[in-house]
PDB file of N, CA and C in Angstrom:
ATOM      1  N   MET A   1      -8.343  -5.280  -8.797  1.00  0.00           N
ATOM      2  CA  MET A   1      -7.330  -5.207  -7.754  1.00  0.00           C
ATOM      3  C   MET A   1      -6.198  -4.308  -8.238  1.00  0.00           C
ATOM      4  N   ILE A   2      -5.759  -3.425  -7.348  1.00  0.00           N
ATOM      5  CA  ILE A   2      -4.678  -2.497  -7.644  1.00  0.00           C
ATOM      6  C   ILE A   2      -3.398  -3.079  -7.066  1.00  0.00           C
ATOM      7  N   ARG A   3      -2.313  -3.008  -7.841  1.00  0.00           N
ATOM      8  CA  ARG A   3      -1.017  -3.503  -7.366  1.00  0.00           C
ATOM      9  C   ARG A   3      -0.034  -2.345  -7.279  1.00  0.00           C
ATOM     10  N   PHE A   4       0.742  -2.343  -6.199  1.00  0.00           N
ATOM     11  CA  PHE A   4       1.787  -1.350  -6.020  1.00  0.00           C
ATOM     12  C   PHE A   4       3.098  -2.070  -5.751  1.00  0.00           C
ATOM     13  N   TYR A   5       4.174  -1.558  -6.330  1.00  0.00           N
ATOM     14  CA  TYR A   5       5.515  -2.055  -6.040  1.00  0.00           C
ATOM     15  C   TYR A   5       6.175  -1.012  -5.150  1.00  0.00           C
ATOM     16  N   ILE A   6       6.577  -1.413  -3.946  1.00  0.00           N
ATOM     17  CA  ILE A   6       7.119  -0.480  -2.962  1.00  0.00           C
ATOM     18  C   ILE A   6       8.506  -0.966  -2.547  1.00  0.00           C
ATOM     19  N   PRO A   7       9.546  -0.420  -3.191  1.00  0.00           N
ATOM     20  CA  PRO A   7      10.915  -0.910  -2.958  1.00  0.00           C
ATOM     21  C   PRO A   7      11.377  -0.849  -1.509  1.00  0.00           C
ATOM     22  N   ASN A   8      10.928   0.139  -0.732  1.00  0.00           N
ATOM     23  CA  ASN A   8      11.426   0.251   0.637  1.00  0.00           C
ATOM     24  C   ASN A   8      10.521  -0.419   1.676  1.00  0.00           C
ATOM     25  N   MET A   9       9.606  -1.283   1.239  1.00  0.00           N
ATOM     26  CA  MET A   9       8.810  -2.098   2.169  1.00  0.00           C
ATOM     27  C   MET A   9       9.544  -3.429   2.311  1.00  0.00           C
ATOM     28  N   THR A  10      10.369  -3.522   3.357  1.00  0.00           N
ATOM     29  CA  THR A  10      11.273  -4.665   3.469  1.00  0.00           C
ATOM     30  C   THR A  10      10.976  -5.618   4.623  1.00  0.00           C
ATOM     31  N   CYS A  11      10.013  -5.248   5.488  1.00  0.00           N
ATOM     32  CA  CYS A  11       9.764  -6.103   6.655  1.00  0.00           C
ATOM     33  C   CYS A  11       8.288  -6.033   7.065  1.00  0.00           C
ATOM     34  N   GLY A  12       7.957  -6.802   8.060  1.00  0.00           N
ATOM     35  CA  GLY A  12       6.586  -6.819   8.556  1.00  0.00           C
ATOM     36  C   GLY A  12       6.157  -5.483   9.142  1.00  0.00           C
ATOM     37  N   GLY A  13       7.085  -4.768   9.771  1.00  0.00           N
ATOM     38  CA  GLY A  13       6.765  -3.446  10.312  1.00  0.00           C
ATOM     39  C   GLY A  13       6.411  -2.467   9.206  1.00  0.00           C
ATOM     40  N   CYS A  14       7.176  -2.528   8.112  1.00  0.00           N
ATOM     41  CA  CYS A  14       6.878  -1.691   6.944  1.00  0.00           C
ATOM     42  C   CYS A  14       5.504  -2.045   6.389  1.00  0.00           C
ATOM     43  N   ALA A  15       5.231  -3.333   6.294  1.00  0.00           N
ATOM     44  CA  ALA A  15       3.953  -3.786   5.752  1.00  0.00           C
ATOM     45  C   ALA A  15       2.795  -3.285   6.617  1.00  0.00           C
ATOM     46  N   LYS A  16       2.999  -3.269   7.930  1.00  0.00           N
ATOM     47  CA  LYS A  16       1.956  -2.776   8.830  1.00  0.00           C
ATOM     48  C   LYS A  16       1.727  -1.281   8.615  1.00  0.00           C
ATOM     49  N   SER A  17       2.799  -0.517   8.432  1.00  0.00           N
ATOM     50  CA  SER A  17       2.680   0.920   8.169  1.00  0.00           C
ATOM     51  C   SER A  17       1.972   1.185   6.851  1.00  0.00           C
ATOM     52  N   VAL A  18       2.327   0.409   5.834  1.00  0.00           N
ATOM     53  CA  VAL A  18       1.688   0.550   4.523  1.00  0.00           C
ATOM     54  C   VAL A  18       0.201   0.220   4.629  1.00  0.00           C
ATOM     55  N   THR A  19      -0.122  -0.858   5.316  1.00  0.00           N
ATOM     56  CA  THR A  19      -1.520  -1.256   5.482  1.00  0.00           C
ATOM     57  C   THR A  19      -2.308  -0.166   6.198  1.00  0.00           C
ATOM     58  N   SER A  20      -1.743   0.389   7.254  1.00  0.00           N
ATOM     59  CA  SER A  20      -2.420   1.457   7.995  1.00  0.00           C
ATOM     60  C   SER A  20      -2.670   2.676   7.113  1.00  0.00           C
ATOM     61  N   ALA A  21      -1.668   3.047   6.317  1.00  0.00           N
ATOM     62  CA  ALA A  21      -1.817   4.200   5.428  1.00  0.00           C
ATOM     63  C   ALA A  21      -2.930   3.960   4.414  1.00  0.00           C
ATOM     64  N   LEU A  22      -2.986   2.765   3.853  1.00  0.00           N
ATOM     65  CA  LEU A  22      -4.008   2.457   2.853  1.00  0.00           C
ATOM     66  C   LEU A  22      -5.401   2.384   3.473  1.00  0.00           C
ATOM     67  N   LEU A  23      -5.496   1.801   4.663  1.00  0.00           N
ATOM     68  CA  LEU A  23      -6.798   1.706   5.333  1.00  0.00           C
ATOM     69  C   LEU A  23      -7.299   3.068   5.792  1.00  0.00           C
ATOM     70  N   SER A  24      -6.404   4.030   5.964  1.00  0.00           N
ATOM     71  CA  SER A  24      -6.845   5.379   6.333  1.00  0.00           C
ATOM     72  C   SER A  24      -7.610   6.032   5.181  1.00  0.00           C
ATOM     73  N   ILE A  25      -7.367   5.580   3.973  1.00  0.00           N
ATOM     74  CA  ILE A  25      -8.067   6.084   2.790  1.00  0.00           C
ATOM     75  C   ILE A  25      -9.384   5.334   2.589  1.00  0.00           C
ATOM     76  N   ASP A  26      -9.338   4.013   2.735  1.00  0.00           N
ATOM     77  CA  ASP A  26     -10.539   3.188   2.566  1.00  0.00           C
ATOM     78  C   ASP A  26     -10.541   2.089   3.629  1.00  0.00           C
ATOM     79  N   PRO A  27     -11.238   2.324   4.741  1.00  0.00           N
ATOM     80  CA  PRO A  27     -11.271   1.327   5.814  1.00  0.00           C
ATOM     81  C   PRO A  27     -11.866  -0.018   5.393  1.00  0.00           C
ATOM     82  N   GLN A  28     -12.605  -0.037   4.302  1.00  0.00           N
ATOM     83  CA  GLN A  28     -13.223  -1.278   3.822  1.00  0.00           C
ATOM     84  C   GLN A  28     -12.343  -2.035   2.831  1.00  0.00           C
ATOM     85  N   ALA A  29     -11.207  -1.473   2.463  1.00  0.00           N
ATOM     86  CA  ALA A  29     -10.329  -2.106   1.470  1.00  0.00           C
ATOM     87  C   ALA A  29      -9.760  -3.413   2.008  1.00  0.00           C
ATOM     88  N   ARG A  30      -9.518  -4.332   1.091  1.00  0.00           N
ATOM     89  CA  ARG A  30      -8.834  -5.580   1.445  1.00  0.00           C
ATOM     90  C   ARG A  30      -7.384  -5.410   0.988  1.00  0.00           C
ATOM     91  N   ILE A  31      -6.449  -5.516   1.922  1.00  0.00           N
ATOM     92  CA  ILE A  31      -5.040  -5.258   1.663  1.00  0.00           C
ATOM     93  C   ILE A  31      -4.252  -6.547   1.823  1.00  0.00           C
ATOM     94  N   GLU A  32      -3.400  -6.847   0.854  1.00  0.00           N
ATOM     95  CA  GLU A  32      -2.483  -7.982   0.946  1.00  0.00           C
ATOM     96  C   GLU A  32      -1.079  -7.447   0.727  1.00  0.00           C
ATOM     97  N   THR A  33      -0.189  -7.679   1.696  1.00  0.00           N
ATOM     98  CA  THR A  33       1.190  -7.235   1.554  1.00  0.00           C
ATOM     99  C   THR A  33       2.109  -8.436   1.379  1.00  0.00           C
ATOM    100  N   ASP A  34       3.163  -8.233   0.610  1.00  0.00           N
ATOM    101  CA  ASP A  34       4.166  -9.265   0.378  1.00  0.00           C
ATOM    102  C   ASP A  34       5.540  -8.597   0.465  1.00  0.00           C
ATOM    103  N   PRO A  35       6.062  -8.416   1.712  1.00  0.00           N
ATOM    104  CA  PRO A  35       7.339  -7.718   1.864  1.00  0.00           C
ATOM    105  C   PRO A  35       8.503  -8.313   1.060  1.00  0.00           C
ATOM    106  N   PRO A  36       8.677  -9.648   0.994  1.00  0.00           N
ATOM    107  CA  PRO A  36       9.807 -10.160   0.202  1.00  0.00           C
ATOM    108  C   PRO A  36       9.725  -9.741  -1.274  1.00  0.00           C
ATOM    109  N   ALA A  37       8.522  -9.666  -1.813  1.00  0.00           N
ATOM    110  CA  ALA A  37       8.347  -9.238  -3.211  1.00  0.00           C
ATOM    111  C   ALA A  37       8.191  -7.723  -3.310  1.00  0.00           C
ATOM    112  N   ARG A  38       8.047  -7.076  -2.147  1.00  0.00           N
ATOM    113  CA  ARG A  38       7.841  -5.624  -2.065  1.00  0.00           C
ATOM    114  C   ARG A  38       6.601  -5.194  -2.848  1.00  0.00           C
ATOM    115  N   GLU A  39       5.556  -5.995  -2.700  1.00  0.00           N
ATOM    116  CA  GLU A  39       4.322  -5.749  -3.436  1.00  0.00           C
ATOM    117  C   GLU A  39       3.137  -5.638  -2.476  1.00  0.00           C
ATOM    118  N   VAL A  40       2.203  -4.766  -2.834  1.00  0.00           N
ATOM    119  CA  VAL A  40       0.949  -4.614  -2.101  1.00  0.00           C
ATOM    120  C   VAL A  40      -0.187  -4.730  -3.107  1.00  0.00           C
ATOM    121  N   ARG A  41      -1.216  -5.469  -2.734  1.00  0.00           N
ATOM    122  CA  ARG A  41      -2.413  -5.592  -3.555  1.00  0.00           C
ATOM    123  C   ARG A  41      -3.583  -5.035  -2.758  1.00  0.00           C
ATOM    124  N   VAL A  42      -4.354  -4.191  -3.412  1.00  0.00           N
ATOM    125  CA  VAL A  42      -5.475  -3.519  -2.747  1.00  0.00           C
ATOM    126  C   VAL A  42      -6.746  -3.800  -3.531  1.00  0.00           C
ATOM    127  N   ASP A  43      -7.749  -4.289  -2.843  1.00  0.00           N
ATOM    128  CA  ASP A  43      -9.064  -4.496  -3.439  1.00  0.00           C
ATOM    129  C   ASP A  43      -9.980  -3.424  -2.849  1.00  0.00           C
ATOM    130  N   SER A  44     -10.335  -2.439  -3.674  1.00  0.00           N
ATOM    131  CA  SER A  44     -11.123  -1.299  -3.207  1.00  0.00           C
ATOM    132  C   SER A  44     -11.923  -0.727  -4.369  1.00  0.00           C
ATOM    133  N   VAL A  45     -12.983  -0.018  -4.014  1.00  0.00           N
ATOM    134  CA  VAL A  45     -13.779   0.673  -5.031  1.00  0.00           C
ATOM    135  C   VAL A  45     -13.185   2.049  -5.345  1.00  0.00           C
ATOM    136  N   LEU A  46     -12.234   2.504  -4.534  1.00  0.00           N
ATOM    137  CA  LEU A  46     -11.636   3.817  -4.756  1.00  0.00           C
ATOM    138  C   LEU A  46     -10.575   3.783  -5.848  1.00  0.00           C
ATOM    139  N   ASP A  47     -10.261   4.966  -6.344  1.00  0.00           N
ATOM    140  CA  ASP A  47      -9.280   5.121  -7.413  1.00  0.00           C
ATOM    141  C   ASP A  47      -7.851   4.964  -6.880  1.00  0.00           C
ATOM    142  N   GLU A  48      -6.995   4.459  -7.727  1.00  0.00           N
ATOM    143  CA  GLU A  48      -5.587   4.239  -7.392  1.00  0.00           C
ATOM    144  C   GLU A  48      -4.887   5.512  -6.912  1.00  0.00           C
ATOM    145  N   SER A  49      -5.241   6.656  -7.464  1.00  0.00           N
ATOM    146  CA  SER A  49      -4.539   7.906  -7.134  1.00  0.00           C
ATOM    147  C   SER A  49      -4.637   8.266  -5.654  1.00  0.00           C
ATOM    148  N   ALA A  50      -5.755   7.988  -5.027  1.00  0.00           N
ATOM    149  CA  ALA A  50      -5.901   8.277  -3.597  1.00  0.00           C
ATOM    150  C   ALA A  50      -4.911   7.456  -2.777  1.00  0.00           C
ATOM    151  N   PHE A  51      -4.714   6.218  -3.158  1.00  0.00           N
ATOM    152  CA  PHE A  51      -3.778   5.351  -2.450  1.00  0.00           C
ATOM    153  C   PHE A  51      -2.330   5.774  -2.696  1.00  0.00           C
ATOM    154  N   LEU A  52      -2.034   6.220  -3.908  1.00  0.00           N
ATOM    155  CA  LEU A  52      -0.681   6.683  -4.217  1.00  0.00           C
ATOM    156  C   LEU A  52      -0.277   7.849  -3.323  1.00  0.00           C
ATOM    157  N   VAL A  53      -1.197   8.774  -3.098  1.00  0.00           N
ATOM    158  CA  VAL A  53      -0.923   9.918  -2.227  1.00  0.00           C
ATOM    159  C   VAL A  53      -0.663   9.434  -0.799  1.00  0.00           C
ATOM    160  N   ALA A  54      -1.493   8.545  -0.302  1.00  0.00           N
ATOM    161  CA  ALA A  54      -1.340   8.043   1.066  1.00  0.00           C
ATOM    162  C   ALA A  54      -0.010   7.310   1.238  1.00  0.00           C
ATOM    163  N   LEU A  55       0.366   6.505   0.255  1.00  0.00           N
ATOM    164  CA  LEU A  55       1.636   5.784   0.328  1.00  0.00           C
ATOM    165  C   LEU A  55       2.811   6.751   0.350  1.00  0.00           C
ATOM    166  N   SER A  56       2.758   7.748  -0.512  1.00  0.00           N
ATOM    167  CA  SER A  56       3.839   8.727  -0.580  1.00  0.00           C
ATOM    168  C   SER A  56       3.963   9.505   0.724  1.00  0.00           C
ATOM    169  N   GLU A  57       2.835   9.929   1.276  1.00  0.00           N
ATOM    170  CA  GLU A  57       2.851  10.671   2.535  1.00  0.00           C
ATOM    171  C   GLU A  57       3.357   9.817   3.699  1.00  0.00           C
ATOM    172  N   ALA A  58       3.165   8.513   3.625  1.00  0.00           N
ATOM    173  CA  ALA A  58       3.636   7.615   4.675  1.00  0.00           C
ATOM    174  C   ALA A  58       5.105   7.238   4.489  1.00  0.00           C
ATOM    175  N   GLY A  59       5.726   7.708   3.400  1.00  0.00           N
ATOM    176  CA  GLY A  59       7.132   7.415   3.156  1.00  0.00           C
ATOM    177  C   GLY A  59       7.370   6.155   2.357  1.00  0.00           C
ATOM    178  N   TYR A  60       6.331   5.671   1.697  1.00  0.00           N
ATOM    179  CA  TYR A  60       6.432   4.437   0.898  1.00  0.00           C
ATOM    180  C   TYR A  60       5.904   4.699  -0.521  1.00  0.00           C
ATOM    181  N   PRO A  61       6.611   5.510  -1.292  1.00  0.00           N
ATOM    182  CA  PRO A  61       6.125   5.806  -2.654  1.00  0.00           C
ATOM    183  C   PRO A  61       6.180   4.560  -3.544  1.00  0.00           C
ATOM    184  N   ASP A  62       5.217   4.478  -4.427  1.00  0.00           N
ATOM    185  CA  ASP A  62       5.124   3.384  -5.391  1.00  0.00           C
ATOM    186  C   ASP A  62       6.125   3.636  -6.515  1.00  0.00           C
ATOM    187  N   LYS A  63       6.845   2.607  -6.924  1.00  0.00           N
ATOM    188  CA  LYS A  63       7.750   2.674  -8.072  1.00  0.00           C
ATOM    189  C   LYS A  63       7.270   1.689  -9.108  1.00  0.00           C
ATOM    190  N   GLN A  64       6.711   2.202 -10.182  1.00  0.00           N
ATOM    191  CA  GLN A  64       6.135   1.293 -11.194  1.00  0.00           C
ATOM    192  C   GLN A  64       7.128   0.883 -12.233  1.00  0.00           C
TER     193      GLN A  64
END
C-alpha cells in the first residue's frame, strides 16, 4: 500500500478530486482518503511515481 500526505486535502470535496485523479491512473486501485489526517492510501500494482504525477497535476502535490 502506498501512502501520500497531502496538506491541502482538507475536505470531502478535495478527497473526491484526489480519488478521481488517482483512479484516472489506475481504475482498479483501491483508494482510502482521510481528509482530517490529510492522508491517502492507495492499493495498486502500479508504481508510486505515476500517482505522484497525477496528484501534482490535479493540484494536490504529496509532501513527504
